[in-house]
Amino acid sequence: IAGAAGADLLCYITPAEHLGLPTPRQV
């Protein structure tokens, strides 16, 4: 939604967000 509205760069979020350091697979 943000990108469609005009945001230019999306900082990704992993399944580990708010819980711990992500593994390569989660990245």
mmCIF file of all heavy atoms, coordinates in Angstrom:
data_MODEL
# 
_entry.id   MODEL 
# 
loop_
_atom_site.group_PDB 
_atom_site.id 
_atom_site.type_symbol 
_atom_site.label_atom_id 
_atom_site.label_alt_id 
_atom_site.label_comp_id 
_atom_site.label_asym_id 
_atom_site.label_entity_id 
_atom_site.label_seq_id 
_atom_site.pdbx_PDB_ins_code 
_atom_site.Cartn_x 
_atom_site.Cartn_y 
_atom_site.Cartn_z 
_atom_site.occupancy 
_atom_site.B_iso_or_equiv 
_atom_site.pdbx_formal_charge 
_atom_site.auth_seq_id 
_atom_site.auth_comp_id 
_atom_site.auth_asym_id 
_atom_site.auth_atom_id 
_atom_site.pdbx_PDB_model_num 
ATOM 1   N N   . ILE A 1 1  ? 0.840  -1.205  0.000  1.00 0.00 ? 1  ILE A N   1 
ATOM 2   C CA  . ILE A 1 1  ? 0.000  0.000   0.000  1.00 0.00 ? 1  ILE A CA  1 
ATOM 3   C C   . ILE A 1 1  ? 0.872  1.251   0.000  1.00 0.00 ? 1  ILE A C   1 
ATOM 4   O O   . ILE A 1 1  ? 0.624  2.200   -0.755 1.00 0.00 ? 1  ILE A O   1 
ATOM 5   C CB  . ILE A 1 1  ? -0.943 -0.015  1.215  1.00 0.00 ? 1  ILE A CB  1 
ATOM 6   C CG1 . ILE A 1 1  ? -1.942 -1.172  1.081  1.00 0.00 ? 1  ILE A CG1 1 
ATOM 7   C CG2 . ILE A 1 1  ? -1.677 1.313   1.355  1.00 0.00 ? 1  ILE A CG2 1 
ATOM 8   C CD1 . ILE A 1 1  ? -2.787 -1.408  2.313  1.00 0.00 ? 1  ILE A CD1 1 
ATOM 9   N N   . ALA A 1 2  ? 1.915  1.266   0.837  1.00 0.00 ? 2  ALA A N   1 
ATOM 10  C CA  . ALA A 1 2  ? 2.810  2.427   0.892  1.00 0.00 ? 2  ALA A CA  1 
ATOM 11  C C   . ALA A 1 2  ? 3.509  2.644   -0.441 1.00 0.00 ? 2  ALA A C   1 
ATOM 12  O O   . ALA A 1 2  ? 3.624  3.777   -0.930 1.00 0.00 ? 2  ALA A O   1 
ATOM 13  C CB  . ALA A 1 2  ? 3.837  2.245   2.000  1.00 0.00 ? 2  ALA A CB  1 
ATOM 14  N N   . GLY A 1 3  ? 3.990  1.567   -1.046 1.00 0.00 ? 3  GLY A N   1 
ATOM 15  C CA  . GLY A 1 3  ? 4.671  1.684   -2.333 1.00 0.00 ? 3  GLY A CA  1 
ATOM 16  C C   . GLY A 1 3  ? 3.748  2.201   -3.415 1.00 0.00 ? 3  GLY A C   1 
ATOM 17  O O   . GLY A 1 3  ? 4.123  3.060   -4.218 1.00 0.00 ? 3  GLY A O   1 
ATOM 18  N N   . ALA A 1 4  ? 2.524  1.692   -3.444 1.00 0.00 ? 4  ALA A N   1 
ATOM 19  C CA  . ALA A 1 4  ? 1.561  2.155   -4.441 1.00 0.00 ? 4  ALA A CA  1 
ATOM 20  C C   . ALA A 1 4  ? 1.234  3.633   -4.251 1.00 0.00 ? 4  ALA A C   1 
ATOM 21  O O   . ALA A 1 4  ? 0.962  4.346   -5.214 1.00 0.00 ? 4  ALA A O   1 
ATOM 22  C CB  . ALA A 1 4  ? 0.286  1.321   -4.361 1.00 0.00 ? 4  ALA A CB  1 
ATOM 23  N N   . ALA A 1 5  ? 1.304  4.103   -3.000 1.00 0.00 ? 5  ALA A N   1 
ATOM 24  C CA  . ALA A 1 5  ? 1.013  5.506   -2.700 1.00 0.00 ? 5  ALA A CA  1 
ATOM 25  C C   . ALA A 1 5  ? 2.192  6.425   -2.990 1.00 0.00 ? 5  ALA A C   1 
ATOM 26  O O   . ALA A 1 5  ? 2.034  7.642   -2.998 1.00 0.00 ? 5  ALA A O   1 
ATOM 27  C CB  . ALA A 1 5  ? 0.605  5.647   -1.237 1.00 0.00 ? 5  ALA A CB  1 
ATOM 28  N N   . GLY A 1 6  ? 3.398  5.827   -3.210 1.00 0.00 ? 6  GLY A N   1 
ATOM 29  C CA  . GLY A 1 6  ? 4.547  6.651   -3.557 1.00 0.00 ? 6  GLY A CA  1 
ATOM 30  C C   . GLY A 1 6  ? 5.802  6.422   -2.755 1.00 0.00 ? 6  GLY A C   1 
ATOM 31  O O   . GLY A 1 6  ? 6.838  7.043   -3.024 1.00 0.00 ? 6  GLY A O   1 
ATOM 32  N N   . ALA A 1 7  ? 5.776  5.525   -1.751 1.00 0.00 ? 7  ALA A N   1 
ATOM 33  C CA  . ALA A 1 7  ? 7.012  5.193   -1.023 1.00 0.00 ? 7  ALA A CA  1 
ATOM 34  C C   . ALA A 1 7  ? 8.003  4.564   -2.003 1.00 0.00 ? 7  ALA A C   1 
ATOM 35  O O   . ALA A 1 7  ? 7.621  3.822   -2.911 1.00 0.00 ? 7  ALA A O   1 
ATOM 36  C CB  . ALA A 1 7  ? 6.720  4.241   0.130  1.00 0.00 ? 7  ALA A CB  1 
ATOM 37  N N   . ASP A 1 8  ? 9.273  4.853   -1.807 1.00 0.00 ? 8  ASP A N   1 
ATOM 38  C CA  . ASP A 1 8  ? 10.283 4.516   -2.817 1.00 0.00 ? 8  ASP A CA  1 
ATOM 39  C C   . ASP A 1 8  ? 11.189 3.350   -2.442 1.00 0.00 ? 8  ASP A C   1 
ATOM 40  O O   . ASP A 1 8  ? 11.664 2.625   -3.316 1.00 0.00 ? 8  ASP A O   1 
ATOM 41  C CB  . ASP A 1 8  ? 11.146 5.755   -3.072 1.00 0.00 ? 8  ASP A CB  1 
ATOM 42  C CG  . ASP A 1 8  ? 10.304 6.965   -3.412 1.00 0.00 ? 8  ASP A CG  1 
ATOM 43  O OD1 . ASP A 1 8  ? 9.814  7.034   -4.549 1.00 0.00 ? 8  ASP A OD1 1 
ATOM 44  O OD2 . ASP A 1 8  ? 10.122 7.838   -2.540 1.00 0.00 ? 8  ASP A OD2 1 
ATOM 45  N N   . LEU A 1 9  ? 11.455 3.193   -1.143 1.00 0.00 ? 9  LEU A N   1 
ATOM 46  C CA  . LEU A 1 9  ? 12.347 2.138   -0.666 1.00 0.00 ? 9  LEU A CA  1 
ATOM 47  C C   . LEU A 1 9  ? 11.675 1.472   0.520  1.00 0.00 ? 9  LEU A C   1 
ATOM 48  O O   . LEU A 1 9  ? 11.318 2.136   1.501  1.00 0.00 ? 9  LEU A O   1 
ATOM 49  C CB  . LEU A 1 9  ? 13.700 2.736   -0.255 1.00 0.00 ? 9  LEU A CB  1 
ATOM 50  C CG  . LEU A 1 9  ? 14.754 1.783   0.327  1.00 0.00 ? 9  LEU A CG  1 
ATOM 51  C CD1 . LEU A 1 9  ? 15.122 0.683   -0.677 1.00 0.00 ? 9  LEU A CD1 1 
ATOM 52  C CD2 . LEU A 1 9  ? 16.009 2.562   0.729  1.00 0.00 ? 9  LEU A CD2 1 
ATOM 53  N N   . LEU A 1 10 ? 11.487 0.156   0.425  1.00 0.00 ? 10 LEU A N   1 
ATOM 54  C CA  . LEU A 1 10 ? 10.814 -0.610  1.465  1.00 0.00 ? 10 LEU A CA  1 
ATOM 55  C C   . LEU A 1 10 ? 11.839 -1.349  2.297  1.00 0.00 ? 10 LEU A C   1 
ATOM 56  O O   . LEU A 1 10 ? 12.611 -2.147  1.760  1.00 0.00 ? 10 LEU A O   1 
ATOM 57  C CB  . LEU A 1 10 ? 9.842  -1.625  0.841  1.00 0.00 ? 10 LEU A CB  1 
ATOM 58  C CG  . LEU A 1 10 ? 8.854  -1.107  -0.202 1.00 0.00 ? 10 LEU A CG  1 
ATOM 59  C CD1 . LEU A 1 10 ? 8.046  -2.256  -0.777 1.00 0.00 ? 10 LEU A CD1 1 
ATOM 60  C CD2 . LEU A 1 10 ? 7.939  -0.038  0.397  1.00 0.00 ? 10 LEU A CD2 1 
ATOM 61  N N   . CYS A 1 11 ? 11.868 -1.075  3.590  1.00 0.00 ? 11 CYS A N   1 
ATOM 62  C CA  . CYS A 1 11 ? 12.755 -1.822  4.473  1.00 0.00 ? 11 CYS A CA  1 
ATOM 63  C C   . CYS A 1 11 ? 12.033 -3.088  4.902  1.00 0.00 ? 11 CYS A C   1 
ATOM 64  O O   . CYS A 1 11 ? 10.991 -3.021  5.556  1.00 0.00 ? 11 CYS A O   1 
ATOM 65  C CB  . CYS A 1 11 ? 13.145 -0.978  5.696  1.00 0.00 ? 11 CYS A CB  1 
ATOM 66  S SG  . CYS A 1 11 ? 14.422 -1.770  6.691  1.00 0.00 ? 11 CYS A SG  1 
ATOM 67  N N   . TYR A 1 12 ? 12.577 -4.219  4.534  1.00 0.00 ? 12 TYR A N   1 
ATOM 68  C CA  . TYR A 1 12 ? 11.894 -5.477  4.772  1.00 0.00 ? 12 TYR A CA  1 
ATOM 69  C C   . TYR A 1 12 ? 11.786 -5.793  6.254  1.00 0.00 ? 12 TYR A C   1 
ATOM 70  O O   . TYR A 1 12 ? 12.458 -5.222  7.110  1.00 0.00 ? 12 TYR A O   1 
ATOM 71  C CB  . TYR A 1 12 ? 12.610 -6.606  4.037  1.00 0.00 ? 12 TYR A CB  1 
ATOM 72  C CG  . TYR A 1 12 ? 13.723 -7.309  4.808  1.00 0.00 ? 12 TYR A CG  1 
ATOM 73  C CD1 . TYR A 1 12 ? 13.923 -8.682  4.662  1.00 0.00 ? 12 TYR A CD1 1 
ATOM 74  C CD2 . TYR A 1 12 ? 14.565 -6.613  5.666  1.00 0.00 ? 12 TYR A CD2 1 
ATOM 75  C CE1 . TYR A 1 12 ? 14.922 -9.331  5.337  1.00 0.00 ? 12 TYR A CE1 1 
ATOM 76  C CE2 . TYR A 1 12 ? 15.568 -7.271  6.352  1.00 0.00 ? 12 TYR A CE2 1 
ATOM 77  C CZ  . TYR A 1 12 ? 15.747 -8.634  6.192  1.00 0.00 ? 12 TYR A CZ  1 
ATOM 78  O OH  . TYR A 1 12 ? 16.749 -9.273  6.881  1.00 0.00 ? 12 TYR A OH  1 
ATOM 79  N N   . ILE A 1 13 ? 10.900 -6.722  6.566  1.00 0.00 ? 13 ILE A N   1 
ATOM 80  C CA  . ILE A 1 13 ? 10.732 -7.259  7.916  1.00 0.00 ? 13 ILE A CA  1 
ATOM 81  C C   . ILE A 1 13 ? 10.765 -8.777  7.797  1.00 0.00 ? 13 ILE A C   1 
ATOM 82  O O   . ILE A 1 13 ? 10.229 -9.348  6.844  1.00 0.00 ? 13 ILE A O   1 
ATOM 83  C CB  . ILE A 1 13 ? 9.397  -6.793  8.526  1.00 0.00 ? 13 ILE A CB  1 
ATOM 84  C CG1 . ILE A 1 13 ? 9.365  -5.266  8.650  1.00 0.00 ? 13 ILE A CG1 1 
ATOM 85  C CG2 . ILE A 1 13 ? 9.177  -7.431  9.895  1.00 0.00 ? 13 ILE A CG2 1 
ATOM 86  C CD1 . ILE A 1 13 ? 8.024  -4.723  9.086  1.00 0.00 ? 13 ILE A CD1 1 
ATOM 87  N N   . THR A 1 14 ? 11.388 -9.435  8.755  1.00 0.00 ? 14 THR A N   1 
ATOM 88  C CA  . THR A 1 14 ? 11.490 -10.897 8.723  1.00 0.00 ? 14 THR A CA  1 
ATOM 89  C C   . THR A 1 14 ? 10.492 -11.515 9.704  1.00 0.00 ? 14 THR A C   1 
ATOM 90  O O   . THR A 1 14 ? 9.913  -10.824 10.540 1.00 0.00 ? 14 THR A O   1 
ATOM 91  C CB  . THR A 1 14 ? 12.904 -11.368 9.092  1.00 0.00 ? 14 THR A CB  1 
ATOM 92  O OG1 . THR A 1 14 ? 13.082 -11.257 10.518 1.00 0.00 ? 14 THR A OG1 1 
ATOM 93  C CG2 . THR A 1 14 ? 13.968 -10.561 8.367  1.00 0.00 ? 14 THR A CG2 1 
ATOM 94  N N   . PRO A 1 15 ? 10.318 -12.846 9.636  1.00 0.00 ? 15 PRO A N   1 
ATOM 95  C CA  . PRO A 1 15 ? 9.461  -13.514 10.624 1.00 0.00 ? 15 PRO A CA  1 
ATOM 96  C C   . PRO A 1 15 ? 9.970  -13.352 12.059 1.00 0.00 ? 15 PRO A C   1 
ATOM 97  O O   . PRO A 1 15 ? 9.204  -13.532 13.009 1.00 0.00 ? 15 PRO A O   1 
ATOM 98  C CB  . PRO A 1 15 ? 9.513  -14.988 10.192 1.00 0.00 ? 15 PRO A CB  1 
ATOM 99  C CG  . PRO A 1 15 ? 9.868  -14.960 8.746  1.00 0.00 ? 15 PRO A CG  1 
ATOM 100 C CD  . PRO A 1 15 ? 10.783 -13.780 8.590  1.00 0.00 ? 15 PRO A CD  1 
ATOM 101 N N   . ALA A 1 16 ? 11.258 -12.998 12.212 1.00 0.00 ? 16 ALA A N   1 
ATOM 102 C CA  . ALA A 1 16 ? 11.838 -12.859 13.549 1.00 0.00 ? 16 ALA A CA  1 
ATOM 103 C C   . ALA A 1 16 ? 11.620 -11.479 14.156 1.00 0.00 ? 16 ALA A C   1 
ATOM 104 O O   . ALA A 1 16 ? 11.963 -11.256 15.320 1.00 0.00 ? 16 ALA A O   1 
ATOM 105 C CB  . ALA A 1 16 ? 13.344 -13.164 13.490 1.00 0.00 ? 16 ALA A CB  1 
ATOM 106 N N   . GLU A 1 17 ? 11.056 -10.547 13.389 1.00 0.00 ? 17 GLU A N   1 
ATOM 107 C CA  . GLU A 1 17 ? 10.841 -9.187  13.892 1.00 0.00 ? 17 GLU A CA  1 
ATOM 108 C C   . GLU A 1 17 ? 10.091 -9.218  15.220 1.00 0.00 ? 17 GLU A C   1 
ATOM 109 O O   . GLU A 1 17 ? 9.115  -9.938  15.386 1.00 0.00 ? 17 GLU A O   1 
ATOM 110 C CB  . GLU A 1 17 ? 10.042 -8.375  12.866 1.00 0.00 ? 17 GLU A CB  1 
ATOM 111 C CG  . GLU A 1 17 ? 9.881  -6.916  13.209 1.00 0.00 ? 17 GLU A CG  1 
ATOM 112 C CD  . GLU A 1 17 ? 11.130 -6.091  12.931 1.00 0.00 ? 17 GLU A CD  1 
ATOM 113 O OE1 . GLU A 1 17 ? 12.045 -6.604  12.252 1.00 0.00 ? 17 GLU A OE1 1 
ATOM 114 O OE2 . GLU A 1 17 ? 11.175 -4.938  13.362 1.00 0.00 ? 17 GLU A OE2 1 
ATOM 115 N N   . HIS A 1 18 ? 10.570 -8.456  16.173 1.00 0.00 ? 18 HIS A N   1 
ATOM 116 C CA  . HIS A 1 18 ? 10.009 -8.348  17.528 1.00 0.00 ? 18 HIS A CA  1 
ATOM 117 C C   . HIS A 1 18 ? 10.292 -9.568  18.398 1.00 0.00 ? 18 HIS A C   1 
ATOM 118 O O   . HIS A 1 18 ? 9.854  -9.613  19.553 1.00 0.00 ? 18 HIS A O   1 
ATOM 119 C CB  . HIS A 1 18 ? 8.497  -8.104  17.506 1.00 0.00 ? 18 HIS A CB  1 
ATOM 120 C CG  . HIS A 1 18 ? 8.104  -6.841  16.818 1.00 0.00 ? 18 HIS A CG  1 
ATOM 121 N ND1 . HIS A 1 18 ? 7.366  -6.829  15.660 1.00 0.00 ? 18 HIS A ND1 1 
ATOM 122 C CD2 . HIS A 1 18 ? 8.359  -5.544  17.119 1.00 0.00 ? 18 HIS A CD2 1 
ATOM 123 C CE1 . HIS A 1 18 ? 7.165  -5.573  15.286 1.00 0.00 ? 18 HIS A CE1 1 
ATOM 124 N NE2 . HIS A 1 18 ? 7.767  -4.772  16.148 1.00 0.00 ? 18 HIS A NE2 1 
ATOM 125 N N   . LEU A 1 19 ? 11.011 -10.558 17.850 1.00 0.00 ? 19 LEU A N   1 
ATOM 126 C CA  . LEU A 1 19 ? 11.248 -11.792 18.608 1.00 0.00 ? 19 LEU A CA  1 
ATOM 127 C C   . LEU A 1 19 ? 12.718 -12.156 18.755 1.00 0.00 ? 19 LEU A C   1 
ATOM 128 O O   . LEU A 1 19 ? 13.119 -12.738 19.771 1.00 0.00 ? 19 LEU A O   1 
ATOM 129 C CB  . LEU A 1 19 ? 10.505 -12.963 17.949 1.00 0.00 ? 19 LEU A CB  1 
ATOM 130 C CG  . LEU A 1 19 ? 8.977  -12.841 17.881 1.00 0.00 ? 19 LEU A CG  1 
ATOM 131 C CD1 . LEU A 1 19 ? 8.401  -13.966 17.039 1.00 0.00 ? 19 LEU A CD1 1 
ATOM 132 C CD2 . LEU A 1 19 ? 8.371  -12.851 19.278 1.00 0.00 ? 19 LEU A CD2 1 
ATOM 133 N N   . GLY A 1 20 ? 13.548 -11.859 17.769 1.00 0.00 ? 20 GLY A N   1 
ATOM 134 C CA  . GLY A 1 20 ? 14.942 -12.248 17.861 1.00 0.00 ? 20 GLY A CA  1 
ATOM 135 C C   . GLY A 1 20 ? 15.704 -11.958 16.581 1.00 0.00 ? 20 GLY A C   1 
ATOM 136 O O   . GLY A 1 20 ? 15.152 -11.425 15.614 1.00 0.00 ? 20 GLY A O   1 
ATOM 137 N N   . LEU A 1 21 ? 16.990 -12.305 16.577 1.00 0.00 ? 21 LEU A N   1 
ATOM 138 C CA  . LEU A 1 21 ? 17.845 -12.116 15.403 1.00 0.00 ? 21 LEU A CA  1 
ATOM 139 C C   . LEU A 1 21 ? 17.442 -13.108 14.319 1.00 0.00 ? 21 LEU A C   1 
ATOM 140 O O   . LEU A 1 21 ? 17.344 -14.311 14.591 1.00 0.00 ? 21 LEU A O   1 
ATOM 141 C CB  . LEU A 1 21 ? 19.319 -12.320 15.783 1.00 0.00 ? 21 LEU A CB  1 
ATOM 142 C CG  . LEU A 1 21 ? 20.351 -11.907 14.733 1.00 0.00 ? 21 LEU A CG  1 
ATOM 143 C CD1 . LEU A 1 21 ? 20.454 -10.378 14.676 1.00 0.00 ? 21 LEU A CD1 1 
ATOM 144 C CD2 . LEU A 1 21 ? 21.719 -12.516 15.055 1.00 0.00 ? 21 LEU A CD2 1 
ATOM 145 N N   . PRO A 1 22 ? 17.209 -12.658 13.090 1.00 0.00 ? 22 PRO A N   1 
ATOM 146 C CA  . PRO A 1 22 ? 16.766 -13.589 12.044 1.00 0.00 ? 22 PRO A CA  1 
ATOM 147 C C   . PRO A 1 22 ? 17.878 -14.507 11.561 1.00 0.00 ? 22 PRO A C   1 
ATOM 148 O O   . PRO A 1 22 ? 19.050 -14.137 11.521 1.00 0.00 ? 22 PRO A O   1 
ATOM 149 C CB  . PRO A 1 22 ? 16.307 -12.652 10.921 1.00 0.00 ? 22 PRO A CB  1 
ATOM 150 C CG  . PRO A 1 22 ? 17.124 -11.413 11.111 1.00 0.00 ? 22 PRO A CG  1 
ATOM 151 C CD  . PRO A 1 22 ? 17.292 -11.267 12.601 1.00 0.00 ? 22 PRO A CD  1 
ATOM 152 N N   . THR A 1 23 ? 17.491 -15.711 11.191 1.00 0.00 ? 23 THR A N   1 
ATOM 153 C CA  . THR A 1 23 ? 18.391 -16.651 10.541 1.00 0.00 ? 23 THR A CA  1 
ATOM 154 C C   . THR A 1 23 ? 18.472 -16.297 9.055  1.00 0.00 ? 23 THR A C   1 
ATOM 155 O O   . THR A 1 23 ? 17.631 -15.539 8.543  1.00 0.00 ? 23 THR A O   1 
ATOM 156 C CB  . THR A 1 23 ? 17.868 -18.085 10.668 1.00 0.00 ? 23 THR A CB  1 
ATOM 157 O OG1 . THR A 1 23 ? 16.609 -18.171 9.957  1.00 0.00 ? 23 THR A OG1 1 
ATOM 158 C CG2 . THR A 1 23 ? 17.655 -18.469 12.129 1.00 0.00 ? 23 THR A CG2 1 
ATOM 159 N N   . PRO A 1 24 ? 19.450 -16.854 8.339  1.00 0.00 ? 24 PRO A N   1 
ATOM 160 C CA  . PRO A 1 24 ? 19.485 -16.620 6.895  1.00 0.00 ? 24 PRO A CA  1 
ATOM 161 C C   . PRO A 1 24 ? 18.174 -17.003 6.206  1.00 0.00 ? 24 PRO A C   1 
ATOM 162 O O   . PRO A 1 24 ? 17.704 -16.296 5.308  1.00 0.00 ? 24 PRO A O   1 
ATOM 163 C CB  . PRO A 1 24 ? 20.651 -17.491 6.419  1.00 0.00 ? 24 PRO A CB  1 
ATOM 164 C CG  . PRO A 1 24 ? 21.592 -17.490 7.590  1.00 0.00 ? 24 PRO A CG  1 
ATOM 165 C CD  . PRO A 1 24 ? 20.678 -17.546 8.791  1.00 0.00 ? 24 PRO A CD  1 
ATOM 166 N N   . ARG A 1 25 ? 17.571 -18.105 6.626  1.00 0.00 ? 25 ARG A N   1 
ATOM 167 C CA  . ARG A 1 25 ? 16.309 -18.522 6.008  1.00 0.00 ? 25 ARG A CA  1 
ATOM 168 C C   . ARG A 1 25 ? 15.210 -17.486 6.252  1.00 0.00 ? 25 ARG A C   1 
ATOM 169 O O   . ARG A 1 25 ? 14.421 -17.167 5.355  1.00 0.00 ? 25 ARG A O   1 
ATOM 170 C CB  . ARG A 1 25 ? 15.879 -19.892 6.559  1.00 0.00 ? 25 ARG A CB  1 
ATOM 171 C CG  . ARG A 1 25 ? 14.520 -20.370 6.048  1.00 0.00 ? 25 ARG A CG  1 
ATOM 172 C CD  . ARG A 1 25 ? 14.497 -20.463 4.531  1.00 0.00 ? 25 ARG A CD  1 
ATOM 173 N NE  . ARG A 1 25 ? 13.133 -20.697 4.025  1.00 0.00 ? 25 ARG A NE  1 
ATOM 174 C CZ  . ARG A 1 25 ? 12.728 -20.388 2.810  1.00 0.00 ? 25 ARG A CZ  1 
ATOM 175 N NH1 . ARG A 1 25 ? 13.562 -19.829 1.956  1.00 0.00 ? 25 ARG A NH1 1 
ATOM 176 N NH2 . ARG A 1 25 ? 11.502 -20.646 2.439  1.00 0.00 ? 25 ARG A NH2 1 
ATOM 177 N N   . GLN A 1 26 ? 15.158 -16.949 7.457  1.00 0.00 ? 26 GLN A N   1 
ATOM 178 C CA  . GLN A 1 26 ? 14.145 -15.934 7.763  1.00 0.00 ? 26 GLN A CA  1 
ATOM 179 C C   . GLN A 1 26 ? 14.399 -14.639 7.004  1.00 0.00 ? 26 GLN A C   1 
ATOM 180 O O   . GLN A 1 26 ? 13.463 -13.947 6.616  1.00 0.00 ? 26 GLN A O   1 
ATOM 181 C CB  . GLN A 1 26 ? 14.100 -15.693 9.272  1.00 0.00 ? 26 GLN A CB  1 
ATOM 182 C CG  . GLN A 1 26 ? 13.507 -16.864 10.041 1.00 0.00 ? 26 GLN A CG  1 
ATOM 183 C CD  . GLN A 1 26 ? 13.791 -16.807 11.525 1.00 0.00 ? 26 GLN A CD  1 
ATOM 184 O OE1 . GLN A 1 26 ? 14.704 -16.127 11.985 1.00 0.00 ? 26 GLN A OE1 1 
ATOM 185 N NE2 . GLN A 1 26 ? 13.001 -17.534 12.293 1.00 0.00 ? 26 GLN A NE2 1 
ATOM 186 N N   . VAL A 1 27 ? 15.677 -14.316 6.791  1.00 0.00 ? 27 VAL A N   1 
ATOM 187 C CA  . VAL A 1 27 ? 16.016 -13.162 5.959  1.00 0.00 ? 27 VAL A CA  1 
ATOM 188 C C   . VAL A 1 27 ? 15.459 -13.352 4.551  1.00 0.00 ? 27 VAL A C   1 
ATOM 189 O O   . VAL A 1 27 ? 14.860 -12.437 3.973  1.00 0.00 ? 27 VAL A O   1 
ATOM 190 C CB  . VAL A 1 27 ? 17.545 -12.950 5.922  1.00 0.00 ? 27 VAL A CB  1 
ATOM 191 C CG1 . VAL A 1 27 ? 17.944 -12.003 4.791  1.00 0.00 ? 27 VAL A CG1 1 
ATOM 192 C CG2 . VAL A 1 27 ? 18.035 -12.408 7.266  1.00 0.00 ? 27 VAL A CG2 1 
# 
